């Protein structure tokens, strides 16, 4: 096997892998968006809950 054959084969496999990844992202983009939306809701809910904590009462005890 020559060096050029190996590099062409590697490039072909890399291109194939990238095409498959792009197809998967396109196919599942609504689920991915829903997942990130859920994460942002969890994070914003945590921030709101943390802002409701009263530190005055905790420090007095």
PDB file of N, CA and C in Angstrom:
ATOM      1  N   UNK A   1       0.832  -1.190   0.000  1.00  0.00           N
ATOM      2  CA  UNK A   1       0.000   0.000   0.000  1.00  0.00           C
ATOM      3  C   UNK A   1       0.875   1.251   0.000  1.00  0.00           C
ATOM      4  N   UNK A   2       0.565   2.165  -0.847  1.00  0.00           N
ATOM      5  CA  UNK A   2       1.342   3.397  -0.949  1.00  0.00           C
ATOM      6  C   UNK A   2       0.810   4.438   0.032  1.00  0.00           C
ATOM      7  N   UNK A   3       1.651   5.416   0.298  1.00  0.00           N
ATOM      8  CA  UNK A   3       1.227   6.507   1.181  1.00  0.00           C
ATOM      9  C   UNK A   3       0.037   7.255   0.597  1.00  0.00           C
ATOM     10  N   UNK A   4       0.050   7.496  -0.683  1.00  0.00           N
ATOM     11  CA  UNK A   4      -1.033   8.246  -1.329  1.00  0.00           C
ATOM     12  C   UNK A   4      -2.354   7.497  -1.232  1.00  0.00           C
ATOM     13  N   UNK A   5      -2.321   6.173  -1.355  1.00  0.00           N
ATOM     14  CA  UNK A   5      -3.540   5.376  -1.236  1.00  0.00           C
ATOM     15  C   UNK A   5      -4.118   5.469   0.169  1.00  0.00           C
ATOM     16  N   UNK A   6      -3.248   5.404   1.137  1.00  0.00           N
ATOM     17  CA  UNK A   6      -3.708   5.473   2.521  1.00  0.00           C
ATOM     18  C   UNK A   6      -4.314   6.842   2.823  1.00  0.00           C
ATOM     19  N   UNK A   7      -3.699   7.899   2.371  1.00  0.00           N
ATOM     20  CA  UNK A   7      -4.230   9.222   2.664  1.00  0.00           C
ATOM     21  C   UNK A   7      -5.541   9.472   1.918  1.00  0.00           C
ATOM     22  N   UNK A   8      -5.660   8.978   0.686  1.00  0.00           N
ATOM     23  CA  UNK A   8      -6.922   9.110  -0.036  1.00  0.00           C
ATOM     24  C   UNK A   8      -8.031   8.328   0.655  1.00  0.00           C
ATOM     25  N   UNK A   9      -7.693   7.152   1.141  1.00  0.00           N
ATOM     26  CA  UNK A   9      -8.679   6.337   1.852  1.00  0.00           C
ATOM     27  C   UNK A   9      -9.097   7.038   3.150  1.00  0.00           C
ATOM     28  N   UNK A  10      -8.152   7.597   3.854  1.00  0.00           N
ATOM     29  CA  UNK A  10      -8.449   8.304   5.095  1.00  0.00           C
ATOM     30  C   UNK A  10      -9.324   9.522   4.828  1.00  0.00           C
ATOM     31  N   UNK A  11      -9.012  10.250   3.781  1.00  0.00           N
ATOM     32  CA  UNK A  11      -9.819  11.422   3.427  1.00  0.00           C
ATOM     33  C   UNK A  11     -11.232  11.009   3.048  1.00  0.00           C
ATOM     34  N   UNK A  12     -11.367   9.919   2.307  1.00  0.00           N
ATOM     35  CA  UNK A  12     -12.688   9.442   1.900  1.00  0.00           C
ATOM     36  C   UNK A  12     -13.518   9.026   3.109  1.00  0.00           C
ATOM     37  N   UNK A  13     -12.902   8.341   4.055  1.00  0.00           N
ATOM     38  CA  UNK A  13     -13.613   7.930   5.269  1.00  0.00           C
ATOM     39  C   UNK A  13     -14.003   9.152   6.089  1.00  0.00           C
ATOM     40  N   UNK A  14     -13.119  10.128   6.196  1.00  0.00           N
ATOM     41  CA  UNK A  14     -13.426  11.341   6.956  1.00  0.00           C
ATOM     42  C   UNK A  14     -14.591  12.095   6.332  1.00  0.00           C
ATOM     43  N   UNK A  15     -14.611  12.194   5.014  1.00  0.00           N
ATOM     44  CA  UNK A  15     -15.723  12.865   4.330  1.00  0.00           C
ATOM     45  C   UNK A  15     -17.021  12.110   4.554  1.00  0.00           C
ATOM     46  N   UNK A  16     -16.963  10.787   4.478  1.00  0.00           N
ATOM     47  CA  UNK A  16     -18.155   9.968   4.712  1.00  0.00           C
ATOM     48  C   UNK A  16     -18.685  10.154   6.132  1.00  0.00           C
ATOM     49  N   UNK A  17     -17.793  10.181   7.103  1.00  0.00           N
ATOM     50  CA  UNK A  17     -18.195  10.386   8.498  1.00  0.00           C
ATOM     51  C   UNK A  17     -18.835  11.759   8.672  1.00  0.00           C
ATOM     52  N   UNK A  18     -18.267  12.787   8.068  1.00  0.00           N
ATOM     53  CA  UNK A  18     -18.843  14.128   8.168  1.00  0.00           C
ATOM     54  C   UNK A  18     -20.229  14.197   7.535  1.00  0.00           C
ATOM     55  N   UNK A  19     -20.405  13.540   6.401  1.00  0.00           N
ATOM     56  CA  UNK A  19     -21.715  13.522   5.745  1.00  0.00           C
ATOM     57  C   UNK A  19     -22.742  12.832   6.635  1.00  0.00           C
ATOM     58  N   UNK A  20     -22.361  11.714   7.242  1.00  0.00           N
ATOM     59  CA  UNK A  20     -23.282  11.003   8.135  1.00  0.00           C
ATOM     60  C   UNK A  20     -23.639  11.874   9.334  1.00  0.00           C
ATOM     61  N   UNK A  21     -22.662  12.569   9.910  1.00  0.00           N
ATOM     62  CA  UNK A  21     -22.945  13.442  11.051  1.00  0.00           C
ATOM     63  C   UNK A  21     -23.890  14.577  10.672  1.00  0.00           C
ATOM     64  N   UNK A  22     -23.687  15.170   9.516  1.00  0.00           N
ATOM     65  CA  UNK A  22     -24.567  16.249   9.063  1.00  0.00           C
ATOM     66  C   UNK A  22     -25.983  15.729   8.863  1.00  0.00           C
ATOM     67  N   UNK A  23     -26.118  14.554   8.267  1.00  0.00           N
ATOM     68  CA  UNK A  23     -27.446  13.967   8.060  1.00  0.00           C
ATOM     69  C   UNK A  23     -28.122  13.689   9.394  1.00  0.00           C
ATOM     70  N   UNK A  24     -27.383  13.176  10.366  1.00  0.00           N
ATOM     71  CA  UNK A  24     -27.961  12.911  11.684  1.00  0.00           C
ATOM     72  C   UNK A  24     -28.401  14.198  12.371  1.00  0.00           C
ATOM     73  N   UNK A  25     -27.596  15.235  12.287  1.00  0.00           N
ATOM     74  CA  UNK A  25     -27.963  16.518  12.906  1.00  0.00           C
ATOM     75  C   UNK A  25     -29.218  17.078  12.258  1.00  0.00           C
ATOM     76  N   UNK A  26     -29.307  16.999  10.947  1.00  0.00           N
ATOM     77  CA  UNK A  26     -30.498  17.496  10.253  1.00  0.00           C
ATOM     78  C   UNK A  26     -31.721  16.671  10.636  1.00  0.00           C
ATOM     79  N   UNK A  27     -31.559  15.359  10.743  1.00  0.00           N
ATOM     80  CA  UNK A  27     -32.684  14.484  11.057  1.00  0.00           C
ATOM     81  C   UNK A  27     -33.197  14.701  12.481  1.00  0.00           C
ATOM     82  N   UNK A  28     -32.302  14.989  13.410  1.00  0.00           N
ATOM     83  CA  UNK A  28     -32.696  15.090  14.815  1.00  0.00           C
ATOM     84  C   UNK A  28     -32.645  16.509  15.358  1.00  0.00           C
ATOM     85  N   UNK A  29     -32.666  17.522  14.491  1.00  0.00           N
ATOM     86  CA  UNK A  29     -32.513  18.894  14.980  1.00  0.00           C
ATOM     87  C   UNK A  29     -33.660  19.341  15.871  1.00  0.00           C
ATOM     88  N   UNK A  30     -34.885  18.885  15.638  1.00  0.00           N
ATOM     89  CA  UNK A  30     -35.997  19.297  16.506  1.00  0.00           C
ATOM     90  C   UNK A  30     -35.843  18.691  17.896  1.00  0.00           C
ATOM     91  N   UNK A  31     -35.378  17.441  17.972  1.00  0.00           N
ATOM     92  CA  UNK A  31     -35.152  16.829  19.277  1.00  0.00           C
ATOM     93  C   UNK A  31     -33.992  17.502  20.004  1.00  0.00           C
ATOM     94  N   UNK A  32     -32.961  17.879  19.257  1.00  0.00           N
ATOM     95  CA  UNK A  32     -31.818  18.568  19.860  1.00  0.00           C
ATOM     96  C   UNK A  32     -32.249  19.935  20.390  1.00  0.00           C
ATOM     97  N   UNK A  33     -33.068  20.653  19.623  1.00  0.00           N
ATOM     98  CA  UNK A  33     -33.563  21.958  20.064  1.00  0.00           C
ATOM     99  C   UNK A  33     -34.434  21.811  21.302  1.00  0.00           C
ATOM    100  N   UNK A  34     -35.252  20.778  21.333  1.00  0.00           N
ATOM    101  CA  UNK A  34     -36.100  20.525  22.495  1.00  0.00           C
ATOM    102  C   UNK A  34     -35.258  20.217  23.729  1.00  0.00           C
ATOM    103  N   UNK A  35     -34.187  19.466  23.538  1.00  0.00           N
ATOM    104  CA  UNK A  35     -33.302  19.129  24.650  1.00  0.00           C
ATOM    105  C   UNK A  35     -32.645  20.381  25.221  1.00  0.00           C
ATOM    106  N   UNK A  36     -32.127  21.258  24.354  1.00  0.00           N
ATOM    107  CA  UNK A  36     -31.500  22.487  24.830  1.00  0.00           C
ATOM    108  C   UNK A  36     -32.521  23.426  25.464  1.00  0.00           C
ATOM    109  N   UNK A  37     -33.760  23.419  24.970  1.00  0.00           N
ATOM    110  CA  UNK A  37     -34.819  24.224  25.575  1.00  0.00           C
ATOM    111  C   UNK A  37     -35.115  23.728  26.983  1.00  0.00           C
ATOM    112  N   UNK A  38     -35.137  22.411  27.164  1.00  0.00           N
ATOM    113  CA  UNK A  38     -35.359  21.844  28.494  1.00  0.00           C
ATOM    114  C   UNK A  38     -34.239  22.240  29.445  1.00  0.00           C
ATOM    115  N   UNK A  39     -32.988  22.180  28.963  1.00  0.00           N
ATOM    116  CA  UNK A  39     -31.865  22.578  29.800  1.00  0.00           C
ATOM    117  C   UNK A  39     -31.970  24.043  30.202  1.00  0.00           C
ATOM    118  N   UNK A  40     -32.358  24.903  29.276  1.00  0.00           N
ATOM    119  CA  UNK A  40     -32.454  26.326  29.601  1.00  0.00           C
ATOM    120  C   UNK A  40     -33.578  26.586  30.591  1.00  0.00           C
ATOM    121  N   UNK A  41     -34.676  25.837  30.501  1.00  0.00           N
ATOM    122  CA  UNK A  41     -35.761  25.987  31.469  1.00  0.00           C
ATOM    123  C   UNK A  41     -35.316  25.535  32.855  1.00  0.00           C
ATOM    124  N   UNK A  42     -34.558  24.457  32.915  1.00  0.00           N
ATOM    125  CA  UNK A  42     -34.055  23.975  34.204  1.00  0.00           C
ATOM    126  C   UNK A  42     -33.121  25.010  34.815  1.00  0.00           C
ATOM    127  N   UNK A  43     -32.231  25.563  34.008  1.00  0.00           N
ATOM    128  CA  UNK A  43     -31.276  26.553  34.509  1.00  0.00           C
ATOM    129  C   UNK A  43     -31.991  27.817  34.959  1.00  0.00           C
ATOM    130  N   UNK A  44     -32.966  28.294  34.193  1.00  0.00           N
ATOM    131  CA  UNK A  44     -33.677  29.509  34.591  1.00  0.00           C
ATOM    132  C   UNK A  44     -34.521  29.251  35.833  1.00  0.00           C
ATOM    133  N   UNK A  45     -35.081  28.070  35.965  1.00  0.00           N
ATOM    134  CA  UNK A  45     -35.836  27.728  37.169  1.00  0.00           C
ATOM    135  C   UNK A  45     -34.947  27.689  38.390  1.00  0.00           C
ATOM    136  N   UNK A  46     -33.734  27.201  38.230  1.00  0.00           N
ATOM    137  CA  UNK A  46     -32.781  27.158  39.336  1.00  0.00           C
ATOM    138  C   UNK A  46     -32.391  28.566  39.756  1.00  0.00           C
ATOM    139  N   UNK A  47     -32.188  29.461  38.800  1.00  0.00           N
ATOM    140  CA  UNK A  47     -31.835  30.843  39.129  1.00  0.00           C
ATOM    141  C   UNK A  47     -32.971  31.527  39.866  1.00  0.00           C
ATOM    142  N   UNK A  48     -34.224  31.282  39.434  1.00  0.00           N
ATOM    143  CA  UNK A  48     -35.365  31.900  40.101  1.00  0.00           C
ATOM    144  C   UNK A  48     -35.507  31.367  41.519  1.00  0.00           C
ATOM    145  N   UNK A  49     -35.308  30.069  41.708  1.00  0.00           N
ATOM    146  CA  UNK A  49     -35.413  29.488  43.043  1.00  0.00           C
ATOM    147  C   UNK A  49     -34.321  30.032  43.955  1.00  0.00           C
ATOM    148  N   UNK A  50     -33.123  30.208  43.422  1.00  0.00           N
ATOM    149  CA  UNK A  50     -32.019  30.718  44.227  1.00  0.00           C
ATOM    150  C   UNK A  50     -32.256  32.172  44.616  1.00  0.00           C
ATOM    151  N   UNK A  51     -32.922  32.937  43.773  1.00  0.00           N
ATOM    152  CA  UNK A  51     -33.166  34.340  44.109  1.00  0.00           C
ATOM    153  C   UNK A  51     -34.257  34.482  45.166  1.00  0.00           C
ATOM    154  N   UNK A  52     -35.076  33.448  45.370  1.00  0.00           N
ATOM    155  CA  UNK A  52     -36.131  33.492  46.380  1.00  0.00           C
ATOM    156  C   UNK A  52     -35.609  33.204  47.787  1.00  0.00           C
ATOM    157  N   UNK A  53     -34.405  32.710  47.905  1.00  0.00           N
ATOM    158  CA  UNK A  53     -33.859  32.347  49.212  1.00  0.00           C
ATOM    159  C   UNK A  53     -33.547  33.620  49.988  1.00  0.00           C
ATOM    160  N   UNK A  54     -34.001  33.651  51.227  1.00  0.00           N
ATOM    161  CA  UNK A  54     -33.742  34.804  52.079  1.00  0.00           C
ATOM    162  C   UNK A  54     -32.515  34.513  52.932  1.00  0.00           C
ATOM    163  N   UNK A  55     -31.456  35.258  52.707  1.00  0.00           N
ATOM    164  CA  UNK A  55     -30.234  35.034  53.462  1.00  0.00           C
ATOM    165  C   UNK A  55     -30.259  35.744  54.815  1.00  0.00           C
ATOM    166  N   UNK A  56     -31.148  36.710  54.994  1.00  0.00           N
ATOM    167  CA  UNK A  56     -31.231  37.397  56.283  1.00  0.00           C
ATOM    168  C   UNK A  56     -31.617  36.412  57.377  1.00  0.00           C
ATOM    169  N   UNK A  57     -32.650  35.619  57.148  1.00  0.00           N
ATOM    170  CA  UNK A  57     -33.102  34.661  58.152  1.00  0.00           C
ATOM    171  C   UNK A  57     -32.053  33.586  58.403  1.00  0.00           C
ATOM    172  N   UNK A  58     -31.315  33.201  57.402  1.00  0.00           N
ATOM    173  CA  UNK A  58     -30.297  32.168  57.564  1.00  0.00           C
ATOM    174  C   UNK A  58     -29.126  32.686  58.392  1.00  0.00           C
ATOM    175  N   UNK A  59     -28.795  33.965  58.275  1.00  0.00           N
ATOM    176  CA  UNK A  59     -27.665  34.517  59.010  1.00  0.00           C
ATOM    177  C   UNK A  59     -28.014  34.850  60.455  1.00  0.00           C
ATOM    178  N   UNK A  60     -29.285  35.095  60.752  1.00  0.00           N
ATOM    179  CA  UNK A  60     -29.700  35.464  62.103  1.00  0.00           C
ATOM    180  C   UNK A  60     -29.596  34.277  63.041  1.00  0.00           C
ATOM    181  N   UNK A  61     -29.872  33.097  62.545  1.00  0.00           N
ATOM    182  CA  UNK A  61     -29.857  31.897  63.404  1.00  0.00           C
ATOM    183  C   UNK A  61     -28.507  31.654  63.890  1.00  0.00           C
TER     184      UNK A  61
END
